[in-house]
Amino acid sequence: SWGVSIPAFVPTDFVALPKGATHLR
């Protein structure tokens, strides 16, 4: 398998969110 791990985070601080976004995946 291939594995990807991401630590706990606050989306508004660590993701460049599109304007008006309410959820991410």
mmCIF file of all heavy atoms, coordinates in Angstrom:
data_MODEL
# 
_entry.id   MODEL 
# 
loop_
_atom_site.group_PDB 
_atom_site.id 
_atom_site.type_symbol 
_atom_site.label_atom_id 
_atom_site.label_alt_id 
_atom_site.label_comp_id 
_atom_site.label_asym_id 
_atom_site.label_entity_id 
_atom_site.label_seq_id 
_atom_site.pdbx_PDB_ins_code 
_atom_site.Cartn_x 
_atom_site.Cartn_y 
_atom_site.Cartn_z 
_atom_site.occupancy 
_atom_site.B_iso_or_equiv 
_atom_site.pdbx_formal_charge 
_atom_site.auth_seq_id 
_atom_site.auth_comp_id 
_atom_site.auth_asym_id 
_atom_site.auth_atom_id 
_atom_site.pdbx_PDB_model_num 
ATOM 1   N N   . SER A 1 1  ? 0.818   -1.218 0.000  1.00 0.00 ? 1  SER A N   1 
ATOM 2   C CA  . SER A 1 1  ? 0.000   0.000  0.000  1.00 0.00 ? 1  SER A CA  1 
ATOM 3   C C   . SER A 1 1  ? 0.847   1.260  0.000  1.00 0.00 ? 1  SER A C   1 
ATOM 4   O O   . SER A 1 1  ? 2.049   1.230  0.262  1.00 0.00 ? 1  SER A O   1 
ATOM 5   C CB  . SER A 1 1  ? -0.923  0.016  1.229  1.00 0.00 ? 1  SER A CB  1 
ATOM 6   O OG  . SER A 1 1  ? -0.144  0.134  2.414  1.00 0.00 ? 1  SER A OG  1 
ATOM 7   N N   . TRP A 1 2  ? 0.171   2.387  -0.331 1.00 0.00 ? 2  TRP A N   1 
ATOM 8   C CA  . TRP A 1 2  ? 0.723   3.717  -0.131 1.00 0.00 ? 2  TRP A CA  1 
ATOM 9   C C   . TRP A 1 2  ? -0.035  4.355  1.026  1.00 0.00 ? 2  TRP A C   1 
ATOM 10  O O   . TRP A 1 2  ? -1.267  4.232  1.114  1.00 0.00 ? 2  TRP A O   1 
ATOM 11  C CB  . TRP A 1 2  ? 0.519   4.598  -1.357 1.00 0.00 ? 2  TRP A CB  1 
ATOM 12  C CG  . TRP A 1 2  ? 1.340   4.230  -2.539 1.00 0.00 ? 2  TRP A CG  1 
ATOM 13  C CD1 . TRP A 1 2  ? 2.699   4.290  -2.664 1.00 0.00 ? 2  TRP A CD1 1 
ATOM 14  C CD2 . TRP A 1 2  ? 0.857   3.753  -3.796 1.00 0.00 ? 2  TRP A CD2 1 
ATOM 15  N NE1 . TRP A 1 2  ? 3.094   3.888  -3.912 1.00 0.00 ? 2  TRP A NE1 1 
ATOM 16  C CE2 . TRP A 1 2  ? 1.982   3.552  -4.630 1.00 0.00 ? 2  TRP A CE2 1 
ATOM 17  C CE3 . TRP A 1 2  ? -0.409  3.488  -4.302 1.00 0.00 ? 2  TRP A CE3 1 
ATOM 18  C CZ2 . TRP A 1 2  ? 1.865   3.088  -5.927 1.00 0.00 ? 2  TRP A CZ2 1 
ATOM 19  C CZ3 . TRP A 1 2  ? -0.530  3.025  -5.591 1.00 0.00 ? 2  TRP A CZ3 1 
ATOM 20  C CH2 . TRP A 1 2  ? 0.593   2.824  -6.395 1.00 0.00 ? 2  TRP A CH2 1 
ATOM 21  N N   . GLY A 1 3  ? 0.662   5.048  1.896  1.00 0.00 ? 3  GLY A N   1 
ATOM 22  C CA  . GLY A 1 3  ? 0.002   5.676  3.027  1.00 0.00 ? 3  GLY A CA  1 
ATOM 23  C C   . GLY A 1 3  ? 0.286   7.160  3.107  1.00 0.00 ? 3  GLY A C   1 
ATOM 24  O O   . GLY A 1 3  ? 1.365   7.627  2.735  1.00 0.00 ? 3  GLY A O   1 
ATOM 25  N N   . VAL A 1 4  ? -0.693  7.914  3.557  1.00 0.00 ? 4  VAL A N   1 
ATOM 26  C CA  . VAL A 1 4  ? -0.566  9.355  3.759  1.00 0.00 ? 4  VAL A CA  1 
ATOM 27  C C   . VAL A 1 4  ? -1.094  9.677  5.152  1.00 0.00 ? 4  VAL A C   1 
ATOM 28  O O   . VAL A 1 4  ? -2.199  9.246  5.513  1.00 0.00 ? 4  VAL A O   1 
ATOM 29  C CB  . VAL A 1 4  ? -1.373  10.151 2.717  1.00 0.00 ? 4  VAL A CB  1 
ATOM 30  C CG1 . VAL A 1 4  ? -1.297  11.646 3.015  1.00 0.00 ? 4  VAL A CG1 1 
ATOM 31  C CG2 . VAL A 1 4  ? -0.877  9.861  1.323  1.00 0.00 ? 4  VAL A CG2 1 
ATOM 32  N N   . SER A 1 5  ? -0.308  10.408 5.938  1.00 0.00 ? 5  SER A N   1 
ATOM 33  C CA  . SER A 1 5  ? -0.720  10.785 7.289  1.00 0.00 ? 5  SER A CA  1 
ATOM 34  C C   . SER A 1 5  ? -0.611  12.292 7.467  1.00 0.00 ? 5  SER A C   1 
ATOM 35  O O   . SER A 1 5  ? 0.392   12.898 7.082  1.00 0.00 ? 5  SER A O   1 
ATOM 36  C CB  . SER A 1 5  ? 0.148   10.076 8.337  1.00 0.00 ? 5  SER A CB  1 
ATOM 37  O OG  . SER A 1 5  ? 0.012   8.673  8.248  1.00 0.00 ? 5  SER A OG  1 
ATOM 38  N N   . ILE A 1 6  ? -1.652  12.863 8.043  1.00 0.00 ? 6  ILE A N   1 
ATOM 39  C CA  . ILE A 1 6  ? -1.708  14.304 8.305  1.00 0.00 ? 6  ILE A CA  1 
ATOM 40  C C   . ILE A 1 6  ? -2.075  14.514 9.773  1.00 0.00 ? 6  ILE A C   1 
ATOM 41  O O   . ILE A 1 6  ? -3.036  13.895 10.260 1.00 0.00 ? 6  ILE A O   1 
ATOM 42  C CB  . ILE A 1 6  ? -2.762  14.984 7.401  1.00 0.00 ? 6  ILE A CB  1 
ATOM 43  C CG1 . ILE A 1 6  ? -2.400  14.798 5.929  1.00 0.00 ? 6  ILE A CG1 1 
ATOM 44  C CG2 . ILE A 1 6  ? -2.892  16.463 7.734  1.00 0.00 ? 6  ILE A CG2 1 
ATOM 45  C CD1 . ILE A 1 6  ? -3.448  15.323 4.975  1.00 0.00 ? 6  ILE A CD1 1 
ATOM 46  N N   . PRO A 1 7  ? -1.339  15.337 10.491 1.00 0.00 ? 7  PRO A N   1 
ATOM 47  C CA  . PRO A 1 7  ? -1.662  15.561 11.908 1.00 0.00 ? 7  PRO A CA  1 
ATOM 48  C C   . PRO A 1 7  ? -2.951  16.360 12.071 1.00 0.00 ? 7  PRO A C   1 
ATOM 49  O O   . PRO A 1 7  ? -3.463  16.947 11.114 1.00 0.00 ? 7  PRO A O   1 
ATOM 50  C CB  . PRO A 1 7  ? -0.455  16.355 12.405 1.00 0.00 ? 7  PRO A CB  1 
ATOM 51  C CG  . PRO A 1 7  ? 0.048   17.068 11.186 1.00 0.00 ? 7  PRO A CG  1 
ATOM 52  C CD  . PRO A 1 7  ? -0.175  16.118 10.051 1.00 0.00 ? 7  PRO A CD  1 
ATOM 53  N N   . ALA A 1 8  ? -3.466  16.388 13.285 1.00 0.00 ? 8  ALA A N   1 
ATOM 54  C CA  . ALA A 1 8  ? -4.666  17.173 13.575 1.00 0.00 ? 8  ALA A CA  1 
ATOM 55  C C   . ALA A 1 8  ? -4.408  18.643 13.215 1.00 0.00 ? 8  ALA A C   1 
ATOM 56  O O   . ALA A 1 8  ? -3.299  19.149 13.388 1.00 0.00 ? 8  ALA A O   1 
ATOM 57  C CB  . ALA A 1 8  ? -5.027  17.042 15.053 1.00 0.00 ? 8  ALA A CB  1 
ATOM 58  N N   . PHE A 1 9  ? -5.436  19.312 12.712 1.00 0.00 ? 9  PHE A N   1 
ATOM 59  C CA  . PHE A 1 9  ? -5.255  20.689 12.276 1.00 0.00 ? 9  PHE A CA  1 
ATOM 60  C C   . PHE A 1 9  ? -6.572  21.455 12.333 1.00 0.00 ? 9  PHE A C   1 
ATOM 61  O O   . PHE A 1 9  ? -7.656  20.878 12.420 1.00 0.00 ? 9  PHE A O   1 
ATOM 62  C CB  . PHE A 1 9  ? -4.705  20.732 10.845 1.00 0.00 ? 9  PHE A CB  1 
ATOM 63  C CG  . PHE A 1 9  ? -5.646  20.155 9.805  1.00 0.00 ? 9  PHE A CG  1 
ATOM 64  C CD1 . PHE A 1 9  ? -6.456  20.976 9.027  1.00 0.00 ? 9  PHE A CD1 1 
ATOM 65  C CD2 . PHE A 1 9  ? -5.727  18.781 9.608  1.00 0.00 ? 9  PHE A CD2 1 
ATOM 66  C CE1 . PHE A 1 9  ? -7.311  20.453 8.072  1.00 0.00 ? 9  PHE A CE1 1 
ATOM 67  C CE2 . PHE A 1 9  ? -6.581  18.239 8.654  1.00 0.00 ? 9  PHE A CE2 1 
ATOM 68  C CZ  . PHE A 1 9  ? -7.370  19.070 7.888  1.00 0.00 ? 9  PHE A CZ  1 
ATOM 69  N N   . VAL A 1 10 ? -6.442  22.774 12.277 1.00 0.00 ? 10 VAL A N   1 
ATOM 70  C CA  . VAL A 1 10 ? -7.607  23.660 12.198 1.00 0.00 ? 10 VAL A CA  1 
ATOM 71  C C   . VAL A 1 10 ? -7.701  24.142 10.743 1.00 0.00 ? 10 VAL A C   1 
ATOM 72  O O   . VAL A 1 10 ? -6.813  24.858 10.266 1.00 0.00 ? 10 VAL A O   1 
ATOM 73  C CB  . VAL A 1 10 ? -7.460  24.871 13.150 1.00 0.00 ? 10 VAL A CB  1 
ATOM 74  C CG1 . VAL A 1 10 ? -8.663  25.802 12.989 1.00 0.00 ? 10 VAL A CG1 1 
ATOM 75  C CG2 . VAL A 1 10 ? -7.297  24.405 14.581 1.00 0.00 ? 10 VAL A CG2 1 
ATOM 76  N N   . PRO A 1 11 ? -8.729  23.743 10.008 1.00 0.00 ? 11 PRO A N   1 
ATOM 77  C CA  . PRO A 1 11 ? -8.807  24.054 8.574  1.00 0.00 ? 11 PRO A CA  1 
ATOM 78  C C   . PRO A 1 11 ? -8.613  25.521 8.232  1.00 0.00 ? 11 PRO A C   1 
ATOM 79  O O   . PRO A 1 11 ? -7.907  25.852 7.275  1.00 0.00 ? 11 PRO A O   1 
ATOM 80  C CB  . PRO A 1 11 ? -10.212 23.568 8.198  1.00 0.00 ? 11 PRO A CB  1 
ATOM 81  C CG  . PRO A 1 11 ? -10.476 22.452 9.151  1.00 0.00 ? 11 PRO A CG  1 
ATOM 82  C CD  . PRO A 1 11 ? -9.858  22.892 10.442 1.00 0.00 ? 11 PRO A CD  1 
ATOM 83  N N   . THR A 1 12 ? -9.214  26.415 9.005  1.00 0.00 ? 12 THR A N   1 
ATOM 84  C CA  . THR A 1 12 ? -9.116  27.837 8.666  1.00 0.00 ? 12 THR A CA  1 
ATOM 85  C C   . THR A 1 12 ? -7.706  28.375 8.848  1.00 0.00 ? 12 THR A C   1 
ATOM 86  O O   . THR A 1 12 ? -7.355  29.426 8.298  1.00 0.00 ? 12 THR A O   1 
ATOM 87  C CB  . THR A 1 12 ? -10.081 28.657 9.528  1.00 0.00 ? 12 THR A CB  1 
ATOM 88  O OG1 . THR A 1 12 ? -9.879  28.338 10.914 1.00 0.00 ? 12 THR A OG1 1 
ATOM 89  C CG2 . THR A 1 12 ? -11.534 28.358 9.151  1.00 0.00 ? 12 THR A CG2 1 
ATOM 90  N N   . ASP A 1 13 ? -6.867  27.663 9.605  1.00 0.00 ? 13 ASP A N   1 
ATOM 91  C CA  . ASP A 1 13 ? -5.492  28.105 9.840  1.00 0.00 ? 13 ASP A CA  1 
ATOM 92  C C   . ASP A 1 13 ? -4.484  27.441 8.904  1.00 0.00 ? 13 ASP A C   1 
ATOM 93  O O   . ASP A 1 13 ? -3.439  28.029 8.599  1.00 0.00 ? 13 ASP A O   1 
ATOM 94  C CB  . ASP A 1 13 ? -5.071  27.807 11.282 1.00 0.00 ? 13 ASP A CB  1 
ATOM 95  C CG  . ASP A 1 13 ? -5.840  28.650 12.298 1.00 0.00 ? 13 ASP A CG  1 
ATOM 96  O OD1 . ASP A 1 13 ? -6.376  29.709 11.894 1.00 0.00 ? 13 ASP A OD1 1 
ATOM 97  O OD2 . ASP A 1 13 ? -5.893  28.245 13.476 1.00 0.00 ? 13 ASP A OD2 1 
ATOM 98  N N   . PHE A 1 14 ? -4.796  26.230 8.444  1.00 0.00 ? 14 PHE A N   1 
ATOM 99  C CA  . PHE A 1 14 ? -3.793  25.455 7.720  1.00 0.00 ? 14 PHE A CA  1 
ATOM 100 C C   . PHE A 1 14 ? -4.195  25.047 6.301  1.00 0.00 ? 14 PHE A C   1 
ATOM 101 O O   . PHE A 1 14 ? -3.464  24.318 5.645  1.00 0.00 ? 14 PHE A O   1 
ATOM 102 C CB  . PHE A 1 14 ? -3.450  24.190 8.524  1.00 0.00 ? 14 PHE A CB  1 
ATOM 103 C CG  . PHE A 1 14 ? -2.709  24.467 9.792  1.00 0.00 ? 14 PHE A CG  1 
ATOM 104 C CD1 . PHE A 1 14 ? -3.388  24.597 10.994 1.00 0.00 ? 14 PHE A CD1 1 
ATOM 105 C CD2 . PHE A 1 14 ? -1.333  24.633 9.781  1.00 0.00 ? 14 PHE A CD2 1 
ATOM 106 C CE1 . PHE A 1 14 ? -2.701  24.861 12.168 1.00 0.00 ? 14 PHE A CE1 1 
ATOM 107 C CE2 . PHE A 1 14 ? -0.643  24.898 10.944 1.00 0.00 ? 14 PHE A CE2 1 
ATOM 108 C CZ  . PHE A 1 14 ? -1.330  25.017 12.149 1.00 0.00 ? 14 PHE A CZ  1 
ATOM 109 N N   . VAL A 1 15 ? -5.319  25.536 5.831  1.00 0.00 ? 15 VAL A N   1 
ATOM 110 C CA  . VAL A 1 15 ? -5.757  25.209 4.469  1.00 0.00 ? 15 VAL A CA  1 
ATOM 111 C C   . VAL A 1 15 ? -6.138  26.498 3.754  1.00 0.00 ? 15 VAL A C   1 
ATOM 112 O O   . VAL A 1 15 ? -6.845  27.347 4.318  1.00 0.00 ? 15 VAL A O   1 
ATOM 113 C CB  . VAL A 1 15 ? -6.961  24.243 4.466  1.00 0.00 ? 15 VAL A CB  1 
ATOM 114 C CG1 . VAL A 1 15 ? -7.366  23.908 3.032  1.00 0.00 ? 15 VAL A CG1 1 
ATOM 115 C CG2 . VAL A 1 15 ? -6.637  22.969 5.237  1.00 0.00 ? 15 VAL A CG2 1 
ATOM 116 N N   . ALA A 1 16 ? -5.662  26.659 2.508  1.00 0.00 ? 16 ALA A N   1 
ATOM 117 C CA  . ALA A 1 16 ? -6.063  27.812 1.693  1.00 0.00 ? 16 ALA A CA  1 
ATOM 118 C C   . ALA A 1 16 ? -7.444  27.501 1.114  1.00 0.00 ? 16 ALA A C   1 
ATOM 119 O O   . ALA A 1 16 ? -7.572  26.898 0.047  1.00 0.00 ? 16 ALA A O   1 
ATOM 120 C CB  . ALA A 1 16 ? -5.050  28.046 0.578  1.00 0.00 ? 16 ALA A CB  1 
ATOM 121 N N   . LEU A 1 17 ? -8.467  27.900 1.824  1.00 0.00 ? 17 LEU A N   1 
ATOM 122 C CA  . LEU A 1 17 ? -9.835  27.538 1.461  1.00 0.00 ? 17 LEU A CA  1 
ATOM 123 C C   . LEU A 1 17 ? -10.406 28.478 0.407  1.00 0.00 ? 17 LEU A C   1 
ATOM 124 O O   . LEU A 1 17 ? -10.197 29.698 0.473  1.00 0.00 ? 17 LEU A O   1 
ATOM 125 C CB  . LEU A 1 17 ? -10.723 27.574 2.709  1.00 0.00 ? 17 LEU A CB  1 
ATOM 126 C CG  . LEU A 1 17 ? -10.377 26.576 3.814  1.00 0.00 ? 17 LEU A CG  1 
ATOM 127 C CD1 . LEU A 1 17 ? -11.104 26.949 5.102  1.00 0.00 ? 17 LEU A CD1 1 
ATOM 128 C CD2 . LEU A 1 17 ? -10.751 25.164 3.380  1.00 0.00 ? 17 LEU A CD2 1 
ATOM 129 N N   . PRO A 1 18 ? -11.147 27.956 -0.556 1.00 0.00 ? 18 PRO A N   1 
ATOM 130 C CA  . PRO A 1 18 ? -11.842 28.831 -1.507 1.00 0.00 ? 18 PRO A CA  1 
ATOM 131 C C   . PRO A 1 18 ? -12.869 29.688 -0.771 1.00 0.00 ? 18 PRO A C   1 
ATOM 132 O O   . PRO A 1 18 ? -13.426 29.273 0.249  1.00 0.00 ? 18 PRO A O   1 
ATOM 133 C CB  . PRO A 1 18 ? -12.522 27.834 -2.462 1.00 0.00 ? 18 PRO A CB  1 
ATOM 134 C CG  . PRO A 1 18 ? -11.789 26.551 -2.286 1.00 0.00 ? 18 PRO A CG  1 
ATOM 135 C CD  . PRO A 1 18 ? -11.345 26.528 -0.857 1.00 0.00 ? 18 PRO A CD  1 
ATOM 136 N N   . LYS A 1 19 ? -13.119 30.858 -1.284 1.00 0.00 ? 19 LYS A N   1 
ATOM 137 C CA  . LYS A 1 19 ? -14.074 31.755 -0.662 1.00 0.00 ? 19 LYS A CA  1 
ATOM 138 C C   . LYS A 1 19 ? -15.454 31.098 -0.604 1.00 0.00 ? 19 LYS A C   1 
ATOM 139 O O   . LYS A 1 19 ? -15.941 30.560 -1.593 1.00 0.00 ? 19 LYS A O   1 
ATOM 140 C CB  . LYS A 1 19 ? -14.168 33.064 -1.454 1.00 0.00 ? 19 LYS A CB  1 
ATOM 141 C CG  . LYS A 1 19 ? -15.075 34.100 -0.810 1.00 0.00 ? 19 LYS A CG  1 
ATOM 142 C CD  . LYS A 1 19 ? -15.073 35.398 -1.602 1.00 0.00 ? 19 LYS A CD  1 
ATOM 143 C CE  . LYS A 1 19 ? -15.985 36.445 -0.942 1.00 0.00 ? 19 LYS A CE  1 
ATOM 144 N NZ  . LYS A 1 19 ? -15.977 37.729 -1.704 1.00 0.00 ? 19 LYS A NZ  1 
ATOM 145 N N   . GLY A 1 20 ? -16.048 31.113 0.570  1.00 0.00 ? 20 GLY A N   1 
ATOM 146 C CA  . GLY A 1 20 ? -17.388 30.551 0.741  1.00 0.00 ? 20 GLY A CA  1 
ATOM 147 C C   . GLY A 1 20 ? -17.412 29.065 1.043  1.00 0.00 ? 20 GLY A C   1 
ATOM 148 O O   . GLY A 1 20 ? -18.489 28.491 1.221  1.00 0.00 ? 20 GLY A O   1 
ATOM 149 N N   . ALA A 1 21 ? -16.249 28.421 1.135  1.00 0.00 ? 21 ALA A N   1 
ATOM 150 C CA  . ALA A 1 21 ? -16.211 26.979 1.403  1.00 0.00 ? 21 ALA A CA  1 
ATOM 151 C C   . ALA A 1 21 ? -16.723 26.692 2.810  1.00 0.00 ? 21 ALA A C   1 
ATOM 152 O O   . ALA A 1 21 ? -16.407 27.404 3.765  1.00 0.00 ? 21 ALA A O   1 
ATOM 153 C CB  . ALA A 1 21 ? -14.792 26.450 1.235  1.00 0.00 ? 21 ALA A CB  1 
ATOM 154 N N   . THR A 1 22 ? -17.494 25.635 2.940  1.00 0.00 ? 22 THR A N   1 
ATOM 155 C CA  . THR A 1 22 ? -18.023 25.228 4.247  1.00 0.00 ? 22 THR A CA  1 
ATOM 156 C C   . THR A 1 22 ? -17.435 23.901 4.713  1.00 0.00 ? 22 THR A C   1 
ATOM 157 O O   . THR A 1 22 ? -17.431 23.607 5.906  1.00 0.00 ? 22 THR A O   1 
ATOM 158 C CB  . THR A 1 22 ? -19.553 25.093 4.192  1.00 0.00 ? 22 THR A CB  1 
ATOM 159 O OG1 . THR A 1 22 ? -19.910 24.108 3.205  1.00 0.00 ? 22 THR A OG1 1 
ATOM 160 C CG2 . THR A 1 22 ? -20.204 26.419 3.836  1.00 0.00 ? 22 THR A CG2 1 
ATOM 161 N N   . HIS A 1 23 ? -16.963 23.086 3.766  1.00 0.00 ? 23 HIS A N   1 
ATOM 162 C CA  . HIS A 1 23 ? -16.387 21.783 4.095  1.00 0.00 ? 23 HIS A CA  1 
ATOM 163 C C   . HIS A 1 23 ? -15.172 21.530 3.199  1.00 0.00 ? 23 HIS A C   1 
ATOM 164 O O   . HIS A 1 23 ? -15.023 22.161 2.150  1.00 0.00 ? 23 HIS A O   1 
ATOM 165 C CB  . HIS A 1 23 ? -17.403 20.650 3.885  1.00 0.00 ? 23 HIS A CB  1 
ATOM 166 C CG  . HIS A 1 23 ? -18.563 20.695 4.825  1.00 0.00 ? 23 HIS A CG  1 
ATOM 167 N ND1 . HIS A 1 23 ? -19.580 21.616 4.711  1.00 0.00 ? 23 HIS A ND1 1 
ATOM 168 C CD2 . HIS A 1 23 ? -18.860 19.920 5.914  1.00 0.00 ? 23 HIS A CD2 1 
ATOM 169 C CE1 . HIS A 1 23 ? -20.481 21.419 5.677  1.00 0.00 ? 23 HIS A CE1 1 
ATOM 170 N NE2 . HIS A 1 23 ? -20.054 20.395 6.416  1.00 0.00 ? 23 HIS A NE2 1 
ATOM 171 N N   . LEU A 1 24 ? -14.342 20.614 3.625  1.00 0.00 ? 24 LEU A N   1 
ATOM 172 C CA  . LEU A 1 24 ? -13.226 20.180 2.773  1.00 0.00 ? 24 LEU A CA  1 
ATOM 173 C C   . LEU A 1 24 ? -13.089 18.668 2.886  1.00 0.00 ? 24 LEU A C   1 
ATOM 174 O O   . LEU A 1 24 ? -13.647 18.033 3.782  1.00 0.00 ? 24 LEU A O   1 
ATOM 175 C CB  . LEU A 1 24 ? -11.929 20.880 3.159  1.00 0.00 ? 24 LEU A CB  1 
ATOM 176 C CG  . LEU A 1 24 ? -11.334 20.589 4.545  1.00 0.00 ? 24 LEU A CG  1 
ATOM 177 C CD1 . LEU A 1 24 ? -10.400 19.368 4.501  1.00 0.00 ? 24 LEU A CD1 1 
ATOM 178 C CD2 . LEU A 1 24 ? -10.556 21.798 5.051  1.00 0.00 ? 24 LEU A CD2 1 
ATOM 179 N N   . ARG A 1 25 ? -12.331 18.113 1.961  1.00 0.00 ? 25 ARG A N   1 
ATOM 180 C CA  . ARG A 1 25 ? -12.106 16.675 1.957  1.00 0.00 ? 25 ARG A CA  1 
ATOM 181 C C   . ARG A 1 25 ? -10.683 16.423 1.477  1.00 0.00 ? 25 ARG A C   1 
ATOM 182 O O   . ARG A 1 25 ? -10.232 17.019 0.499  1.00 0.00 ? 25 ARG A O   1 
ATOM 183 C CB  . ARG A 1 25 ? -13.118 15.983 1.039  1.00 0.00 ? 25 ARG A CB  1 
ATOM 184 C CG  . ARG A 1 25 ? -12.905 14.482 0.895  1.00 0.00 ? 25 ARG A CG  1 
ATOM 185 C CD  . ARG A 1 25 ? -14.135 13.811 0.316  1.00 0.00 ? 25 ARG A CD  1 
ATOM 186 N NE  . ARG A 1 25 ? -14.638 14.526 -0.843 1.00 0.00 ? 25 ARG A NE  1 
ATOM 187 C CZ  . ARG A 1 25 ? -15.904 14.481 -1.259 1.00 0.00 ? 25 ARG A CZ  1 
ATOM 188 N NH1 . ARG A 1 25 ? -16.800 13.781 -0.595 1.00 0.00 ? 25 ARG A NH1 1 
ATOM 189 N NH2 . ARG A 1 25 ? -16.279 15.149 -2.322 1.00 0.00 ? 25 ARG A NH2 1 
# 
